[in-house]
Every structure is written in C-alpha cells, then in structure tokens.
Amino acid sequence: MNRKLLAVLGGALVGVGAVYTYRLLADRYASEGGPPDVLAAALAEASSLLNDIKGGMAEREDQLRVALGLDSGGPARAMDSQSARELLDDPARWRAR
C-alpha cells in the first residue's frame, strides 16, 4: 500500500511540475512577444544549444588530435609542448585551476 501511495504522489508531483514549467514558459514568451507556440520556441532554443555544443565538441576534438599528433597541425595549428601537455592532462578542462 505504501509503495502505491508513493507512486501516485510521485506521479502527481511530476505532473504538477510539468504544468508549472509549461505555464512559466508560456508566460515568458507571451511577455517577450515571442512565438505563440511555446513548444516550437523551446525546441528552437534547445536546437541552438545543441548546435553550440556540437561546435565546441568539434573544436575540442581538433585540438586533441593535434596535441596527440594524429593530425599535422601545420604552422597555423602548431601547439607548443606545454599547451599539449595541459590539454592531454585535462582534456575536458573541468579541473580547477
């Protein structure tokens, strides 16, 4: 009985959260004079974010390939040994400096 009650309460909480989020987005776009279709606008923002992430990932992959010596950097993409070592030690740049 307790598990069923917990499942019902969890589902209700998720449903209320989804409705609340949708209303916040709808109010935001209505006040900004944005597109009337909130879902289309949210998808456009998500698409823009994904494109930015993909571009950053491609740039980082190029840097790593040059640092590992898989691609010839050429004079324009040459990397000194200290920069290459830092890049290989922390490829995601997540560590605190």
C-alpha atoms as a PDB file:
ATOM      1  CA  MET A   1       0.000   0.000   0.000  1.00  0.00           C
ATOM      2  CA  ASN A   2       2.798   2.416   0.846  1.00  0.00           C
ATOM      3  CA  ARG A   3       4.536   1.807  -2.478  1.00  0.00           C
ATOM      4  CA  LYS A   4       1.338   2.520  -4.400  1.00  0.00           C
ATOM      5  CA  LEU A   5       0.766   5.722  -2.459  1.00  0.00           C
ATOM      6  CA  LEU A   6       4.356   6.783  -3.061  1.00  0.00           C
ATOM      7  CA  ALA A   7       3.990   6.064  -6.795  1.00  0.00           C
ATOM      8  CA  VAL A   8       0.757   8.090  -7.005  1.00  0.00           C
ATOM      9  CA  LEU A   9       2.292  11.002  -5.116  1.00  0.00           C
ATOM     10  CA  GLY A  10       5.416  10.876  -7.293  1.00  0.00           C
ATOM     11  CA  GLY A  11       3.335  10.901 -10.471  1.00  0.00           C
ATOM     12  CA  ALA A  12       1.254  13.803  -9.202  1.00  0.00           C
ATOM     13  CA  LEU A  13       4.402  15.742  -8.336  1.00  0.00           C
ATOM     14  CA  VAL A  14       5.843  15.187 -11.814  1.00  0.00           C
ATOM     15  CA  GLY A  15       2.545  16.237 -13.422  1.00  0.00           C
ATOM     16  CA  VAL A  16       2.297  19.423 -11.359  1.00  0.00           C
ATOM     17  CA  GLY A  17       5.932  20.233 -12.151  1.00  0.00           C
ATOM     18  CA  ALA A  18       5.354  19.777 -15.885  1.00  0.00           C
ATOM     19  CA  VAL A  19       2.269  22.021 -15.883  1.00  0.00           C
ATOM     20  CA  TYR A  20       4.054  24.667 -13.805  1.00  0.00           C
ATOM     21  CA  THR A  21       7.065  24.652 -16.158  1.00  0.00           C
ATOM     22  CA  TYR A  22       4.843  24.899 -19.223  1.00  0.00           C
ATOM     23  CA  ARG A  23       2.991  27.865 -17.738  1.00  0.00           C
ATOM     24  CA  LEU A  24       6.250  29.627 -16.873  1.00  0.00           C
ATOM     25  CA  LEU A  25       7.463  29.191 -20.443  1.00  0.00           C
ATOM     26  CA  ALA A  26       4.130  30.349 -21.844  1.00  0.00           C
ATOM     27  CA  ASP A  27       4.135  33.479 -19.678  1.00  0.00           C
ATOM     28  CA  ARG A  28       7.735  34.260 -20.566  1.00  0.00           C
ATOM     29  CA  TYR A  29       7.174  34.049 -24.305  1.00  0.00           C
ATOM     30  CA  ALA A  30       3.889  35.943 -24.096  1.00  0.00           C
ATOM     31  CA  SER A  31       5.547  38.816 -22.217  1.00  0.00           C
ATOM     32  CA  GLU A  32       8.511  38.893 -24.619  1.00  0.00           C
ATOM     33  CA  GLY A  33       6.270  38.865 -27.677  1.00  0.00           C
ATOM     34  CA  GLY A  34       7.876  35.635 -28.806  1.00  0.00           C
ATOM     35  CA  PRO A  35       6.329  32.943 -30.909  1.00  0.00           C
ATOM     36  CA  PRO A  36       2.812  31.970 -29.909  1.00  0.00           C
ATOM     37  CA  ASP A  37       3.722  28.301 -29.957  1.00  0.00           C
ATOM     38  CA  VAL A  38       5.721  27.779 -26.780  1.00  0.00           C
ATOM     39  CA  LEU A  39       6.788  24.274 -27.671  1.00  0.00           C
ATOM     40  CA  ALA A  40       8.230  25.381 -31.015  1.00  0.00           C
ATOM     41  CA  ALA A  41      10.144  28.190 -29.313  1.00  0.00           C
ATOM     42  CA  ALA A  42      11.525  25.840 -26.649  1.00  0.00           C
ATOM     43  CA  LEU A  43      12.604  23.389 -29.358  1.00  0.00           C
ATOM     44  CA  ALA A  44      14.305  26.216 -31.260  1.00  0.00           C
ATOM     45  CA  GLU A  45      16.263  27.193 -28.136  1.00  0.00           C
ATOM     46  CA  ALA A  46      17.227  23.560 -27.495  1.00  0.00           C
ATOM     47  CA  SER A  47      18.349  23.202 -31.107  1.00  0.00           C
ATOM     48  CA  SER A  48      20.502  26.310 -30.806  1.00  0.00           C
ATOM     49  CA  LEU A  49      22.077  24.989 -27.612  1.00  0.00           C
ATOM     50  CA  LEU A  50      22.812  21.614 -29.213  1.00  0.00           C
ATOM     51  CA  ASN A  51      24.443  23.302 -32.213  1.00  0.00           C
ATOM     52  CA  ASP A  52      26.690  25.312 -29.876  1.00  0.00           C
ATOM     53  CA  ILE A  53      27.652  22.144 -28.004  1.00  0.00           C
ATOM     54  CA  LYS A  54      28.405  20.269 -31.236  1.00  0.00           C
ATOM     55  CA  GLY A  55      30.596  23.131 -32.468  1.00  0.00           C
ATOM     56  CA  GLY A  56      32.543  23.205 -29.214  1.00  0.00           C
ATOM     57  CA  MET A  57      32.986  19.436 -29.268  1.00  0.00           C
ATOM     58  CA  ALA A  58      34.333  19.527 -32.832  1.00  0.00           C
ATOM     59  CA  GLU A  59      36.776  22.304 -31.943  1.00  0.00           C
ATOM     60  CA  ARG A  60      37.969  20.411 -28.869  1.00  0.00           C
ATOM     61  CA  GLU A  61      38.403  17.218 -30.878  1.00  0.00           C
ATOM     62  CA  ASP A  62      40.593  19.082 -33.376  1.00  0.00           C
ATOM     63  CA  GLN A  63      42.736  20.424 -30.527  1.00  0.00           C
ATOM     64  CA  LEU A  64      43.128  16.956 -29.037  1.00  0.00           C
ATOM     65  CA  ARG A  65      44.021  15.407 -32.390  1.00  0.00           C
ATOM     66  CA  VAL A  66      46.765  17.991 -32.895  1.00  0.00           C
ATOM     67  CA  ALA A  67      48.048  17.511 -29.324  1.00  0.00           C
ATOM     68  CA  LEU A  68      48.177  13.721 -29.767  1.00  0.00           C
ATOM     69  CA  GLY A  69      49.931  14.048 -33.105  1.00  0.00           C
ATOM     70  CA  LEU A  70      47.158  12.323 -35.044  1.00  0.00           C
ATOM     71  CA  ASP A  71      46.782  15.283 -37.390  1.00  0.00           C
ATOM     72  CA  SER A  72      49.549  17.515 -38.626  1.00  0.00           C
ATOM     73  CA  GLY A  73      48.947  20.865 -37.097  1.00  0.00           C
ATOM     74  CA  GLY A  74      50.791  22.849 -39.698  1.00  0.00           C
ATOM     75  CA  PRO A  75      52.171  26.270 -38.852  1.00  0.00           C
ATOM     76  CA  ALA A  76      48.745  27.795 -38.159  1.00  0.00           C
ATOM     77  CA  ARG A  77      47.712  24.982 -35.775  1.00  0.00           C
ATOM     78  CA  ALA A  78      51.072  24.294 -34.144  1.00  0.00           C
ATOM     79  CA  MET A  79      50.942  23.718 -30.405  1.00  0.00           C
ATOM     80  CA  ASP A  80      53.849  24.095 -28.001  1.00  0.00           C
ATOM     81  CA  SER A  81      54.701  21.190 -25.738  1.00  0.00           C
ATOM     82  CA  GLN A  82      53.387  22.861 -22.553  1.00  0.00           C
ATOM     83  CA  SER A  83      49.971  23.544 -24.125  1.00  0.00           C
ATOM     84  CA  ALA A  84      49.798  20.000 -25.464  1.00  0.00           C
ATOM     85  CA  ARG A  85      50.681  18.546 -22.038  1.00  0.00           C
ATOM     86  CA  GLU A  86      47.993  20.666 -20.302  1.00  0.00           C
ATOM     87  CA  LEU A  87      45.456  19.629 -22.912  1.00  0.00           C
ATOM     88  CA  LEU A  88      46.269  15.940 -22.533  1.00  0.00           C
ATOM     89  CA  ASP A  89      46.301  16.128 -18.717  1.00  0.00           C
ATOM     90  CA  ASP A  90      42.827  17.683 -18.605  1.00  0.00           C
ATOM     91  CA  PRO A  91      41.072  17.196 -21.975  1.00  0.00           C
ATOM     92  CA  ALA A  92      37.679  18.405 -20.765  1.00  0.00           C
ATOM     93  CA  ARG A  93      39.058  21.435 -18.871  1.00  0.00           C
ATOM     94  CA  TRP A  94      36.996  20.527 -15.818  1.00  0.00           C
ATOM     95  CA  ARG A  95      39.692  20.627 -13.191  1.00  0.00           C
ATOM     96  CA  ALA A  96      40.000  23.704 -11.041  1.00  0.00           C
ATOM     97  CA  ARG A  97      42.959  25.847 -11.892  1.00  0.00           C
END
